[in-house]
Amino acid sequence: MRALNWLWRGLLFFILFAFALNNQHVVELKWLLGYSWQAPMVFVVLGVFALGCVTGVLAMLPSWWRHRRDARNRQLLLPEPVSKQAAPTPFDSGPTTRPGPATLPAELPFPPDMPAPRKPAK
C-alpha cells in the first residue's frame, strides 16, 4: 500500500511539473485604474490556488468553531461517572445500605437516537 501511495505522489508530481514546464510564458494581469502586473503563468496559477485554499479555510472557520463549542458544551453537560466503592467484606461492621442505581437526568442534552458523547479517560 505504501508503494502505491508513493506511485500516486510521483505521478501527481510529474503531472504538475509537466504543467509548469508547459506554462512558462509571461502573462499580464491588468488591475483596476491602469495597473498591470507581469509574471509567469505558473506563479499566477499557484497564487490563485493558494488564495482559494485560504478563502476555503476562512469560510470553514465559523462552522468549525461552532461545532467545537457545541461539543465542549455537550461534554460539560454529561453527568459525572458514579465512583465504585469497594465491596464490603462479610466481617465489615459498616453500614449495609448500598447506593441505588444511577438515574438519568429528566432531559438529555443530546438526542436519544445519537450515541452519548464520552468524556476522555484521564
PDB file of N, CA and C in Angstrom:
ATOM      1  N   MET A   1       0.817  -1.194   0.000  1.00  0.00           N
ATOM      2  CA  MET A   1       0.000   0.000   0.000  1.00  0.00           C
ATOM      3  C   MET A   1       0.866   1.265   0.000  1.00  0.00           C
ATOM      4  N   ARG A   2       2.001   1.202   0.726  1.00  0.00           N
ATOM      5  CA  ARG A   2       2.900   2.351   0.731  1.00  0.00           C
ATOM      6  C   ARG A   2       3.464   2.624  -0.658  1.00  0.00           C
ATOM      7  N   ALA A   3       3.795   1.561  -1.370  1.00  0.00           N
ATOM      8  CA  ALA A   3       4.350   1.732  -2.710  1.00  0.00           C
ATOM      9  C   ALA A   3       3.319   2.371  -3.636  1.00  0.00           C
ATOM     10  N   LEU A   4       2.070   1.970  -3.499  1.00  0.00           N
ATOM     11  CA  LEU A   4       1.012   2.561  -4.324  1.00  0.00           C
ATOM     12  C   LEU A   4       0.829   4.043  -3.990  1.00  0.00           C
ATOM     13  N   ASN A   5       0.923   4.369  -2.711  1.00  0.00           N
ATOM     14  CA  ASN A   5       0.806   5.766  -2.291  1.00  0.00           C
ATOM     15  C   ASN A   5       1.937   6.596  -2.898  1.00  0.00           C
ATOM     16  N   TRP A   6       3.172   6.093  -2.837  1.00  0.00           N
ATOM     17  CA  TRP A   6       4.293   6.820  -3.425  1.00  0.00           C
ATOM     18  C   TRP A   6       4.181   6.900  -4.938  1.00  0.00           C
ATOM     19  N   LEU A   7       3.621   5.880  -5.561  1.00  0.00           N
ATOM     20  CA  LEU A   7       3.418   5.908  -7.006  1.00  0.00           C
ATOM     21  C   LEU A   7       2.446   7.023  -7.385  1.00  0.00           C
ATOM     22  N   TRP A   8       1.358   7.163  -6.626  1.00  0.00           N
ATOM     23  CA  TRP A   8       0.407   8.248  -6.896  1.00  0.00           C
ATOM     24  C   TRP A   8       1.042   9.610  -6.678  1.00  0.00           C
ATOM     25  N   ARG A   9       1.839   9.732  -5.624  1.00  0.00           N
ATOM     26  CA  ARG A   9       2.521  11.008  -5.368  1.00  0.00           C
ATOM     27  C   ARG A   9       3.489  11.358  -6.498  1.00  0.00           C
ATOM     28  N   GLY A  10       4.228  10.364  -6.966  1.00  0.00           N
ATOM     29  CA  GLY A  10       5.154  10.593  -8.070  1.00  0.00           C
ATOM     30  C   GLY A  10       4.428  10.989  -9.344  1.00  0.00           C
ATOM     31  N   LEU A  11       3.313  10.336  -9.614  1.00  0.00           N
ATOM     32  CA  LEU A  11       2.521  10.672 -10.795  1.00  0.00           C
ATOM     33  C   LEU A  11       1.982  12.094 -10.702  1.00  0.00           C
ATOM     34  N   LEU A  12       1.485  12.480  -9.532  1.00  0.00           N
ATOM     35  CA  LEU A  12       0.981  13.837  -9.352  1.00  0.00           C
ATOM     36  C   LEU A  12       2.101  14.859  -9.522  1.00  0.00           C
ATOM     37  N   PHE A  13       3.280  14.572  -8.955  1.00  0.00           N
ATOM     38  CA  PHE A  13       4.410  15.474  -9.114  1.00  0.00           C
ATOM     39  C   PHE A  13       4.788  15.610 -10.586  1.00  0.00           C
ATOM     40  N   PHE A  14       4.828  14.497 -11.305  1.00  0.00           N
ATOM     41  CA  PHE A  14       5.184  14.541 -12.727  1.00  0.00           C
ATOM     42  C   PHE A  14       4.182  15.370 -13.520  1.00  0.00           C
ATOM     43  N   ILE A  15       2.896  15.200 -13.238  1.00  0.00           N
ATOM     44  CA  ILE A  15       1.870  15.966 -13.957  1.00  0.00           C
ATOM     45  C   ILE A  15       2.008  17.458 -13.657  1.00  0.00           C
ATOM     46  N   LEU A  16       2.207  17.810 -12.386  1.00  0.00           N
ATOM     47  CA  LEU A  16       2.351  19.224 -12.041  1.00  0.00           C
ATOM     48  C   LEU A  16       3.647  19.820 -12.607  1.00  0.00           C
ATOM     49  N   PHE A  17       4.704  19.033 -12.628  1.00  0.00           N
ATOM     50  CA  PHE A  17       5.965  19.503 -13.190  1.00  0.00           C
ATOM     51  C   PHE A  17       5.822  19.732 -14.691  1.00  0.00           C
ATOM     52  N   ALA A  18       5.142  18.820 -15.404  1.00  0.00           N
ATOM     53  CA  ALA A  18       4.906  18.994 -16.836  1.00  0.00           C
ATOM     54  C   ALA A  18       4.031  20.219 -17.084  1.00  0.00           C
ATOM     55  N   PHE A  19       3.047  20.449 -16.218  1.00  0.00           N
ATOM     56  CA  PHE A  19       2.196  21.635 -16.338  1.00  0.00           C
ATOM     57  C   PHE A  19       3.034  22.898 -16.193  1.00  0.00           C
ATOM     58  N   ALA A  20       3.949  22.902 -15.222  1.00  0.00           N
ATOM     59  CA  ALA A  20       4.796  24.077 -15.010  1.00  0.00           C
ATOM     60  C   ALA A  20       5.718  24.320 -16.214  1.00  0.00           C
ATOM     61  N   LEU A  21       6.258  23.246 -16.793  1.00  0.00           N
ATOM     62  CA  LEU A  21       7.136  23.414 -17.955  1.00  0.00           C
ATOM     63  C   LEU A  21       6.379  23.917 -19.174  1.00  0.00           C
ATOM     64  N   ASN A  22       5.131  23.525 -19.306  1.00  0.00           N
ATOM     65  CA  ASN A  22       4.338  23.949 -20.466  1.00  0.00           C
ATOM     66  C   ASN A  22       3.776  25.357 -20.323  1.00  0.00           C
ATOM     67  N   ASN A  23       3.821  25.940 -19.131  1.00  0.00           N
ATOM     68  CA  ASN A  23       3.229  27.262 -18.905  1.00  0.00           C
ATOM     69  C   ASN A  23       4.258  28.235 -18.346  1.00  0.00           C
ATOM     70  N   GLN A  24       5.384  28.338 -19.027  1.00  0.00           N
ATOM     71  CA  GLN A  24       6.429  29.250 -18.577  1.00  0.00           C
ATOM     72  C   GLN A  24       6.304  30.642 -19.186  1.00  0.00           C
ATOM     73  N   HIS A  25       5.397  30.835 -20.108  1.00  0.00           N
ATOM     74  CA  HIS A  25       5.315  32.135 -20.755  1.00  0.00           C
ATOM     75  C   HIS A  25       4.771  33.182 -19.776  1.00  0.00           C
ATOM     76  N   VAL A  26       5.102  34.424 -20.044  1.00  0.00           N
ATOM     77  CA  VAL A  26       4.732  35.541 -19.177  1.00  0.00           C
ATOM     78  C   VAL A  26       3.327  36.007 -19.536  1.00  0.00           C
ATOM     79  N   VAL A  27       2.526  36.202 -18.500  1.00  0.00           N
ATOM     80  CA  VAL A  27       1.173  36.740 -18.699  1.00  0.00           C
ATOM     81  C   VAL A  27       1.097  38.094 -18.020  1.00  0.00           C
ATOM     82  N   GLU A  28       0.176  38.894 -18.489  1.00  0.00           N
ATOM     83  CA  GLU A  28      -0.005  40.223 -17.917  1.00  0.00           C
ATOM     84  C   GLU A  28      -1.382  40.295 -17.279  1.00  0.00           C
ATOM     85  N   LEU A  29      -1.393  40.583 -15.980  1.00  0.00           N
ATOM     86  CA  LEU A  29      -2.650  40.774 -15.258  1.00  0.00           C
ATOM     87  C   LEU A  29      -2.945  42.260 -15.209  1.00  0.00           C
ATOM     88  N   LYS A  30      -4.110  42.634 -15.664  1.00  0.00           N
ATOM     89  CA  LYS A  30      -4.498  44.041 -15.679  1.00  0.00           C
ATOM     90  C   LYS A  30      -5.476  44.298 -14.543  1.00  0.00           C
ATOM     91  N   TRP A  31      -5.065  45.172 -13.627  1.00  0.00           N
ATOM     92  CA  TRP A  31      -5.871  45.510 -12.469  1.00  0.00           C
ATOM     93  C   TRP A  31      -6.668  46.773 -12.742  1.00  0.00           C
ATOM     94  N   LEU A  32      -7.351  47.247 -11.733  1.00  0.00           N
ATOM     95  CA  LEU A  32      -8.117  48.479 -11.870  1.00  0.00           C
ATOM     96  C   LEU A  32      -7.202  49.691 -11.953  1.00  0.00           C
ATOM     97  N   LEU A  33      -7.712  50.768 -12.494  1.00  0.00           N
ATOM     98  CA  LEU A  33      -7.021  52.059 -12.590  1.00  0.00           C
ATOM     99  C   LEU A  33      -5.719  51.983 -13.379  1.00  0.00           C
ATOM    100  N   GLY A  34      -5.636  51.075 -14.333  1.00  0.00           N
ATOM    101  CA  GLY A  34      -4.494  51.019 -15.226  1.00  0.00           C
ATOM    102  C   GLY A  34      -3.280  50.276 -14.705  1.00  0.00           C
ATOM    103  N   TYR A  35      -3.353  49.698 -13.523  1.00  0.00           N
ATOM    104  CA  TYR A  35      -2.216  48.925 -13.024  1.00  0.00           C
ATOM    105  C   TYR A  35      -2.139  47.595 -13.757  1.00  0.00           C
ATOM    106  N   SER A  36      -0.923  47.147 -13.987  1.00  0.00           N
ATOM    107  CA  SER A  36      -0.743  45.834 -14.605  1.00  0.00           C
ATOM    108  C   SER A  36       0.450  45.148 -13.950  1.00  0.00           C
ATOM    109  N   TRP A  37       0.449  43.828 -14.059  1.00  0.00           N
ATOM    110  CA  TRP A  37       1.489  43.031 -13.414  1.00  0.00           C
ATOM    111  C   TRP A  37       1.844  41.883 -14.337  1.00  0.00           C
ATOM    112  N   GLN A  38       3.133  41.648 -14.542  1.00  0.00           N
ATOM    113  CA  GLN A  38       3.571  40.559 -15.399  1.00  0.00           C
ATOM    114  C   GLN A  38       4.277  39.503 -14.554  1.00  0.00           C
ATOM    115  N   ALA A  39       3.911  38.240 -14.810  1.00  0.00           N
ATOM    116  CA  ALA A  39       4.511  37.124 -14.079  1.00  0.00           C
ATOM    117  C   ALA A  39       4.357  35.861 -14.913  1.00  0.00           C
ATOM    118  N   PRO A  40       5.169  34.847 -14.666  1.00  0.00           N
ATOM    119  CA  PRO A  40       4.982  33.576 -15.364  1.00  0.00           C
ATOM    120  C   PRO A  40       3.622  32.960 -15.007  1.00  0.00           C
ATOM    121  N   MET A  41       3.044  32.274 -15.961  1.00  0.00           N
ATOM    122  CA  MET A  41       1.724  31.684 -15.781  1.00  0.00           C
ATOM    123  C   MET A  41       1.679  30.728 -14.586  1.00  0.00           C
ATOM    124  N   VAL A  42       2.758  29.996 -14.363  1.00  0.00           N
ATOM    125  CA  VAL A  42       2.794  29.038 -13.250  1.00  0.00           C
ATOM    126  C   VAL A  42       2.603  29.751 -11.926  1.00  0.00           C
ATOM    127  N   PHE A  43       3.243  30.891 -11.737  1.00  0.00           N
ATOM    128  CA  PHE A  43       3.112  31.619 -10.480  1.00  0.00           C
ATOM    129  C   PHE A  43       1.718  32.197 -10.306  1.00  0.00           C
ATOM    130  N   VAL A  44       1.110  32.622 -11.405  1.00  0.00           N
ATOM    131  CA  VAL A  44      -0.257  33.138 -11.325  1.00  0.00           C
ATOM    132  C   VAL A  44      -1.209  32.025 -10.908  1.00  0.00           C
ATOM    133  N   VAL A  45      -1.073  30.847 -11.523  1.00  0.00           N
ATOM    134  CA  VAL A  45      -1.944  29.719 -11.174  1.00  0.00           C
ATOM    135  C   VAL A  45      -1.704  29.289  -9.727  1.00  0.00           C
ATOM    136  N   LEU A  46      -0.440  29.228  -9.304  1.00  0.00           N
ATOM    137  CA  LEU A  46      -0.114  28.860  -7.929  1.00  0.00           C
ATOM    138  C   LEU A  46      -0.691  29.863  -6.938  1.00  0.00           C
ATOM    139  N   GLY A  47      -0.588  31.142  -7.246  1.00  0.00           N
ATOM    140  CA  GLY A  47      -1.134  32.174  -6.360  1.00  0.00           C
ATOM    141  C   GLY A  47      -2.643  32.094  -6.244  1.00  0.00           C
ATOM    142  N   VAL A  48      -3.331  31.863  -7.363  1.00  0.00           N
ATOM    143  CA  VAL A  48      -4.788  31.745  -7.326  1.00  0.00           C
ATOM    144  C   VAL A  48      -5.202  30.499  -6.548  1.00  0.00           C
ATOM    145  N   PHE A  49      -4.453  29.399  -6.694  1.00  0.00           N
ATOM    146  CA  PHE A  49      -4.747  28.188  -5.935  1.00  0.00           C
ATOM    147  C   PHE A  49      -4.577  28.437  -4.439  1.00  0.00           C
ATOM    148  N   ALA A  50      -3.480  29.093  -4.036  1.00  0.00           N
ATOM    149  CA  ALA A  50      -3.242  29.383  -2.619  1.00  0.00           C
ATOM    150  C   ALA A  50      -4.323  30.312  -2.071  1.00  0.00           C
ATOM    151  N   LEU A  51      -4.710  31.308  -2.868  1.00  0.00           N
ATOM    152  CA  LEU A  51      -5.774  32.215  -2.441  1.00  0.00           C
ATOM    153  C   LEU A  51      -7.094  31.470  -2.253  1.00  0.00           C
ATOM    154  N   GLY A  52      -7.384  30.529  -3.126  1.00  0.00           N
ATOM    155  CA  GLY A  52      -8.592  29.719  -2.981  1.00  0.00           C
ATOM    156  C   GLY A  52      -8.556  28.844  -1.746  1.00  0.00           C
ATOM    157  N   CYS A  53      -7.385  28.266  -1.428  1.00  0.00           N
ATOM    158  CA  CYS A  53      -7.253  27.449  -0.210  1.00  0.00           C
ATOM    159  C   CYS A  53      -7.476  28.299   1.040  1.00  0.00           C
ATOM    160  N   VAL A  54      -6.874  29.468   1.080  1.00  0.00           N
ATOM    161  CA  VAL A  54      -7.034  30.358   2.239  1.00  0.00           C
ATOM    162  C   VAL A  54      -8.489  30.786   2.382  1.00  0.00           C
ATOM    163  N   THR A  55      -9.136  31.116   1.282  1.00  0.00           N
ATOM    164  CA  THR A  55     -10.545  31.510   1.325  1.00  0.00           C
ATOM    165  C   THR A  55     -11.415  30.357   1.823  1.00  0.00           C
ATOM    166  N   GLY A  56     -11.139  29.150   1.383  1.00  0.00           N
ATOM    167  CA  GLY A  56     -11.913  27.999   1.841  1.00  0.00           C
ATOM    168  C   GLY A  56     -11.751  27.745   3.328  1.00  0.00           C
ATOM    169  N   VAL A  57     -10.530  27.859   3.831  1.00  0.00           N
ATOM    170  CA  VAL A  57     -10.292  27.651   5.268  1.00  0.00           C
ATOM    171  C   VAL A  57     -10.979  28.744   6.084  1.00  0.00           C
ATOM    172  N   LEU A  58     -10.880  29.989   5.632  1.00  0.00           N
ATOM    173  CA  LEU A  58     -11.530  31.080   6.354  1.00  0.00           C
ATOM    174  C   LEU A  58     -13.048  30.946   6.336  1.00  0.00           C
ATOM    175  N   ALA A  59     -13.603  30.433   5.242  1.00  0.00           N
ATOM    176  CA  ALA A  59     -15.046  30.238   5.181  1.00  0.00           C
ATOM    177  C   ALA A  59     -15.491  29.095   6.094  1.00  0.00           C
ATOM    178  N   MET A  60     -14.604  28.159   6.369  1.00  0.00           N
ATOM    179  CA  MET A  60     -14.927  26.997   7.196  1.00  0.00           C
ATOM    180  C   MET A  60     -14.775  27.297   8.690  1.00  0.00           C
ATOM    181  N   LEU A  61     -13.999  28.289   9.073  1.00  0.00           N
ATOM    182  CA  LEU A  61     -13.700  28.547  10.477  1.00  0.00           C
ATOM    183  C   LEU A  61     -14.928  28.786  11.361  1.00  0.00           C
ATOM    184  N   PRO A  62     -15.893  29.632  10.989  1.00  0.00           N
ATOM    185  CA  PRO A  62     -17.042  29.829  11.892  1.00  0.00           C
ATOM    186  C   PRO A  62     -17.798  28.536  12.193  1.00  0.00           C
ATOM    187  N   SER A  63     -17.996  27.710  11.187  1.00  0.00           N
ATOM    188  CA  SER A  63     -18.676  26.442  11.407  1.00  0.00           C
ATOM    189  C   SER A  63     -17.854  25.531  12.305  1.00  0.00           C
ATOM    190  N   TRP A  64     -16.563  25.506  12.094  1.00  0.00           N
ATOM    191  CA  TRP A  64     -15.683  24.676  12.906  1.00  0.00           C
ATOM    192  C   TRP A  64     -15.702  25.135  14.354  1.00  0.00           C
ATOM    193  N   TRP A  65     -15.641  26.441  14.600  1.00  0.00           N
ATOM    194  CA  TRP A  65     -15.688  26.973  15.965  1.00  0.00           C
ATOM    195  C   TRP A  65     -17.019  26.639  16.630  1.00  0.00           C
ATOM    196  N   ARG A  66     -18.121  26.756  15.873  1.00  0.00           N
ATOM    197  CA  ARG A  66     -19.441  26.447  16.427  1.00  0.00           C
ATOM    198  C   ARG A  66     -19.528  24.973  16.844  1.00  0.00           C
ATOM    199  N   HIS A  67     -19.017  24.069  16.007  1.00  0.00           N
ATOM    200  CA  HIS A  67     -19.051  22.650  16.340  1.00  0.00           C
ATOM    201  C   HIS A  67     -18.168  22.343  17.552  1.00  0.00           C
ATOM    202  N   ARG A  68     -17.027  22.990  17.646  1.00  0.00           N
ATOM    203  CA  ARG A  68     -16.169  22.781  18.824  1.00  0.00           C
ATOM    204  C   ARG A  68     -16.855  23.278  20.087  1.00  0.00           C
ATOM    205  N   ARG A  69     -17.521  24.436  19.998  1.00  0.00           N
ATOM    206  CA  ARG A  69     -18.226  24.973  21.157  1.00  0.00           C
ATOM    207  C   ARG A  69     -19.364  24.045  21.570  1.00  0.00           C
ATOM    208  N   ASP A  70     -20.133  23.531  20.604  1.00  0.00           N
ATOM    209  CA  ASP A  70     -21.221  22.600  20.910  1.00  0.00           C
ATOM    210  C   ASP A  70     -20.686  21.319  21.546  1.00  0.00           C
ATOM    211  N   ALA A  71     -19.578  20.803  21.025  1.00  0.00           N
ATOM    212  CA  ALA A  71     -19.005  19.584  21.595  1.00  0.00           C
ATOM    213  C   ALA A  71     -18.527  19.828  23.019  1.00  0.00           C
ATOM    214  N   ARG A  72     -17.911  20.986  23.268  1.00  0.00           N
ATOM    215  CA  ARG A  72     -17.449  21.291  24.619  1.00  0.00           C
ATOM    216  C   ARG A  72     -18.635  21.435  25.574  1.00  0.00           C
ATOM    217  N   ASN A  73     -19.699  22.087  25.126  1.00  0.00           N
ATOM    218  CA  ASN A  73     -20.878  22.239  25.976  1.00  0.00           C
ATOM    219  C   ASN A  73     -21.536  20.894  26.256  1.00  0.00           C
ATOM    220  N   ARG A  74     -21.592  20.019  25.275  1.00  0.00           N
ATOM    221  CA  ARG A  74     -22.159  18.686  25.499  1.00  0.00           C
ATOM    222  C   ARG A  74     -21.348  17.917  26.515  1.00  0.00           C
ATOM    223  N   GLN A  75     -20.039  18.046  26.436  1.00  0.00           N
ATOM    224  CA  GLN A  75     -19.184  17.309  27.351  1.00  0.00           C
ATOM    225  C   GLN A  75     -19.348  17.838  28.774  1.00  0.00           C
ATOM    226  N   LEU A  76     -19.581  19.131  28.904  1.00  0.00           N
ATOM    227  CA  LEU A  76     -19.784  19.692  30.236  1.00  0.00           C
ATOM    228  C   LEU A  76     -21.131  19.283  30.823  1.00  0.00           C
ATOM    229  N   LEU A  77     -22.120  18.977  29.981  1.00  0.00           N
ATOM    230  CA  LEU A  77     -23.450  18.598  30.462  1.00  0.00           C
ATOM    231  C   LEU A  77     -23.556  17.131  30.854  1.00  0.00           C
ATOM    232  N   LEU A  78     -22.561  16.330  30.520  1.00  0.00           N
ATOM    233  CA  LEU A  78     -22.619  14.914  30.864  1.00  0.00           C
ATOM    234  C   LEU A  78     -22.549  14.736  32.373  1.00  0.00           C
ATOM    235  N   PRO A  79     -23.312  13.782  32.902  1.00  0.00           N
ATOM    236  CA  PRO A  79     -23.210  13.543  34.345  1.00  0.00           C
ATOM    237  C   PRO A  79     -21.871  12.893  34.683  1.00  0.00           C
ATOM    238  N   GLU A  80     -21.417  13.163  35.894  1.00  0.00           N
ATOM    239  CA  GLU A  80     -20.162  12.572  36.349  1.00  0.00           C
ATOM    240  C   GLU A  80     -20.358  11.073  36.535  1.00  0.00           C
ATOM    241  N   PRO A  81     -19.351  10.275  36.220  1.00  0.00           N
ATOM    242  CA  PRO A  81     -19.495   8.834  36.427  1.00  0.00           C
ATOM    243  C   PRO A  81     -19.578   8.511  37.919  1.00  0.00           C
ATOM    244  N   VAL A  82     -20.371   7.504  38.228  1.00  0.00           N
ATOM    245  CA  VAL A  82     -20.529   7.084  39.612  1.00  0.00           C
ATOM    246  C   VAL A  82     -19.281   6.320  40.011  1.00  0.00           C
ATOM    247  N   SER A  83     -18.668   6.732  41.126  1.00  0.00           N
ATOM    248  CA  SER A  83     -17.460   6.040  41.565  1.00  0.00           C
ATOM    249  C   SER A  83     -17.860   4.749  42.267  1.00  0.00           C
ATOM    250  N   LYS A  84     -17.168   3.691  41.929  1.00  0.00           N
ATOM    251  CA  LYS A  84     -17.465   2.393  42.520  1.00  0.00           C
ATOM    252  C   LYS A  84     -16.707   2.266  43.835  1.00  0.00           C
ATOM    253  N   GLN A  85     -17.446   1.927  44.863  1.00  0.00           N
ATOM    254  CA  GLN A  85     -16.817   1.729  46.160  1.00  0.00           C
ATOM    255  C   GLN A  85     -16.436   0.263  46.300  1.00  0.00           C
ATOM    256  N   ALA A  86     -15.486   0.021  47.151  1.00  0.00           N
ATOM    257  CA  ALA A  86     -15.058  -1.354  47.378  1.00  0.00           C
ATOM    258  C   ALA A  86     -16.193  -2.134  48.026  1.00  0.00           C
ATOM    259  N   ALA A  87     -16.386  -3.366  47.595  1.00  0.00           N
ATOM    260  CA  ALA A  87     -17.446  -4.206  48.161  1.00  0.00           C
ATOM    261  C   ALA A  87     -17.108  -4.521  49.607  1.00  0.00           C
ATOM    262  N   PRO A  88     -18.105  -4.416  50.501  1.00  0.00           N
ATOM    263  CA  PRO A  88     -17.824  -4.702  51.912  1.00  0.00           C
ATOM    264  C   PRO A  88     -17.579  -6.188  52.125  1.00  0.00           C
ATOM    265  N   THR A  89     -16.699  -6.470  53.028  1.00  0.00           N
ATOM    266  CA  THR A  89     -16.413  -7.864  53.370  1.00  0.00           C
ATOM    267  C   THR A  89     -17.468  -8.361  54.364  1.00  0.00           C
ATOM    268  N   PRO A  90     -17.664  -9.668  54.479  1.00  0.00           N
ATOM    269  CA  PRO A  90     -18.671 -10.176  55.420  1.00  0.00           C
ATOM    270  C   PRO A  90     -18.371  -9.786  56.856  1.00  0.00           C
ATOM    271  N   PHE A  91     -17.127  -9.496  57.182  1.00  0.00           N
ATOM    272  CA  PHE A  91     -16.771  -9.162  58.563  1.00  0.00           C
ATOM    273  C   PHE A  91     -16.817  -7.662  58.801  1.00  0.00           C
ATOM    274  N   ASP A  92     -17.218  -6.897  57.760  1.00  0.00           N
ATOM    275  CA  ASP A  92     -17.263  -5.447  57.879  1.00  0.00           C
ATOM    276  C   ASP A  92     -18.458  -5.067  58.745  1.00  0.00           C
ATOM    277  N   SER A  93     -18.230  -4.195  59.701  1.00  0.00           N
ATOM    278  CA  SER A  93     -19.325  -3.785  60.583  1.00  0.00           C
ATOM    279  C   SER A  93     -19.921  -2.457  60.135  1.00  0.00           C
ATOM    280  N   GLY A  94     -19.592  -2.003  58.917  1.00  0.00           N
ATOM    281  CA  GLY A  94     -20.081  -0.735  58.420  1.00  0.00           C
ATOM    282  C   GLY A  94     -21.538  -0.818  58.005  1.00  0.00           C
ATOM    283  N   PRO A  95     -22.083   0.271  57.454  1.00  0.00           N
ATOM    284  CA  PRO A  95     -23.494   0.278  57.046  1.00  0.00           C
ATOM    285  C   PRO A  95     -23.740  -0.742  55.935  1.00  0.00           C
ATOM    286  N   THR A  96     -24.921  -1.314  55.938  1.00  0.00           N
ATOM    287  CA  THR A  96     -25.246  -2.356  54.971  1.00  0.00           C
ATOM    288  C   THR A  96     -26.005  -1.821  53.771  1.00  0.00           C
ATOM    289  N   THR A  97     -26.317  -0.529  53.747  1.00  0.00           N
ATOM    290  CA  THR A  97     -27.051   0.016  52.608  1.00  0.00           C
ATOM    291  C   THR A  97     -26.069   0.389  51.511  1.00  0.00           C
ATOM    292  N   ARG A  98     -26.448   0.101  50.297  1.00  0.00           N
ATOM    293  CA  ARG A  98     -25.616   0.445  49.140  1.00  0.00           C
ATOM    294  C   ARG A  98     -26.350   1.511  48.335  1.00  0.00           C
ATOM    295  N   PRO A  99     -25.592   2.368  47.667  1.00  0.00           N
ATOM    296  CA  PRO A  99     -26.271   3.383  46.844  1.00  0.00           C
ATOM    297  C   PRO A  99     -27.040   2.710  45.717  1.00  0.00           C
ATOM    298  N   GLY A 100     -28.195   3.294  45.366  1.00  0.00           N
ATOM    299  CA  GLY A 100     -29.044   2.750  44.311  1.00  0.00           C
ATOM    300  C   GLY A 100     -28.439   2.959  42.942  1.00  0.00           C
ATOM    301  N   PRO A 101     -29.114   2.470  41.902  1.00  0.00           N
ATOM    302  CA  PRO A 101     -28.591   2.639  40.543  1.00  0.00           C
ATOM    303  C   PRO A 101     -28.606   4.106  40.132  1.00  0.00           C
ATOM    304  N   ALA A 102     -27.678   4.438  39.286  1.00  0.00           N
ATOM    305  CA  ALA A 102     -27.594   5.813  38.800  1.00  0.00           C
ATOM    306  C   ALA A 102     -28.809   6.123  37.946  1.00  0.00           C
ATOM    307  N   THR A 103     -29.340   7.313  38.108  1.00  0.00           N
ATOM    308  CA  THR A 103     -30.517   7.714  37.327  1.00  0.00           C
ATOM    309  C   THR A 103     -30.097   8.710  36.268  1.00  0.00           C
ATOM    310  N   LEU A 104     -30.824   8.704  35.151  1.00  0.00           N
ATOM    311  CA  LEU A 104     -30.559   9.646  34.073  1.00  0.00           C
ATOM    312  C   LEU A 104     -31.261  10.959  34.361  1.00  0.00           C
ATOM    313  N   PRO A 105     -30.751  12.073  33.830  1.00  0.00           N
ATOM    314  CA  PRO A 105     -31.455  13.344  34.015  1.00  0.00           C
ATOM    315  C   PRO A 105     -32.789  13.309  33.288  1.00  0.00           C
ATOM    316  N   ALA A 106     -33.698  14.183  33.720  1.00  0.00           N
ATOM    317  CA  ALA A 106     -35.035  14.201  33.133  1.00  0.00           C
ATOM    318  C   ALA A 106     -34.977  14.508  31.640  1.00  0.00           C
ATOM    319  N   GLU A 107     -34.109  15.419  31.241  1.00  0.00           N
ATOM    320  CA  GLU A 107     -33.990  15.764  29.826  1.00  0.00           C
ATOM    321  C   GLU A 107     -32.539  15.598  29.409  1.00  0.00           C
ATOM    322  N   LEU A 108     -32.304  14.774  28.408  1.00  0.00           N
ATOM    323  CA  LEU A 108     -30.943  14.533  27.959  1.00  0.00           C
ATOM    324  C   LEU A 108     -30.446  15.708  27.134  1.00  0.00           C
ATOM    325  N   PRO A 109     -29.156  16.051  27.227  1.00  0.00           N
ATOM    326  CA  PRO A 109     -28.621  17.168  26.448  1.00  0.00           C
ATOM    327  C   PRO A 109     -28.318  16.790  25.002  1.00  0.00           C
ATOM    328  N   PHE A 110     -28.662  15.576  24.587  1.00  0.00           N
ATOM    329  CA  PHE A 110     -28.412  15.139  23.224  1.00  0.00           C
ATOM    330  C   PHE A 110     -29.590  14.274  22.789  1.00  0.00           C
ATOM    331  N   PRO A 111     -29.846  14.176  21.482  1.00  0.00           N
ATOM    332  CA  PRO A 111     -30.976  13.373  21.022  1.00  0.00           C
ATOM    333  C   PRO A 111     -30.807  11.903  21.406  1.00  0.00           C
ATOM    334  N   PRO A 112     -31.900  11.196  21.732  1.00  0.00           N
ATOM    335  CA  PRO A 112     -31.774   9.808  22.171  1.00  0.00           C
ATOM    336  C   PRO A 112     -31.326   8.863  21.062  1.00  0.00           C
ATOM    337  N   ASP A 113     -31.469   9.257  19.802  1.00  0.00           N
ATOM    338  CA  ASP A 113     -31.048   8.350  18.728  1.00  0.00           C
ATOM    339  C   ASP A 113     -29.552   8.465  18.442  1.00  0.00           C
ATOM    340  N   MET A 114     -28.873   9.410  19.065  1.00  0.00           N
ATOM    341  CA  MET A 114     -27.437   9.546  18.896  1.00  0.00           C
ATOM    342  C   MET A 114     -26.730   8.886  20.070  1.00  0.00           C
ATOM    343  N   PRO A 115     -25.572   8.288  19.843  1.00  0.00           N
ATOM    344  CA  PRO A 115     -24.822   7.763  20.976  1.00  0.00           C
ATOM    345  C   PRO A 115     -24.328   8.905  21.852  1.00  0.00           C
ATOM    346  N   ALA A 116     -24.340   8.696  23.129  1.00  0.00           N
ATOM    347  CA  ALA A 116     -23.920   9.739  24.055  1.00  0.00           C
ATOM    348  C   ALA A 116     -22.419   9.978  23.911  1.00  0.00           C
ATOM    349  N   PRO A 117     -21.997  11.238  23.901  1.00  0.00           N
ATOM    350  CA  PRO A 117     -20.563  11.514  23.849  1.00  0.00           C
ATOM    351  C   PRO A 117     -19.919  11.090  25.156  1.00  0.00           C
ATOM    352  N   ARG A 118     -18.692  10.656  25.098  1.00  0.00           N
ATOM    353  CA  ARG A 118     -17.975  10.183  26.277  1.00  0.00           C
ATOM    354  C   ARG A 118     -16.876  11.161  26.642  1.00  0.00           C
ATOM    355  N   LYS A 119     -16.625  11.238  27.926  1.00  0.00           N
ATOM    356  CA  LYS A 119     -15.519  12.070  28.401  1.00  0.00           C
ATOM    357  C   LYS A 119     -14.220  11.301  28.156  1.00  0.00           C
ATOM    358  N   PRO A 120     -13.159  12.007  27.804  1.00  0.00           N
ATOM    359  CA  PRO A 120     -11.881  11.303  27.602  1.00  0.00           C
ATOM    360  C   PRO A 120     -11.367  10.736  28.920  1.00  0.00           C
ATOM    361  N   ALA A 121     -10.712   9.599  28.844  1.00  0.00           N
ATOM    362  CA  ALA A 121     -10.156   8.975  30.033  1.00  0.00           C
ATOM    363  C   ALA A 121      -8.965   9.781  30.534  1.00  0.00           C
ATOM    364  N   LYS A 122      -8.868   9.904  31.831  1.00  0.00           N
ATOM    365  CA  LYS A 122      -7.763  10.686  32.410  1.00  0.00           C
ATOM    366  C   LYS A 122      -6.641   9.780  32.804  1.00  0.00           C
TER     367      LYS A 122
END
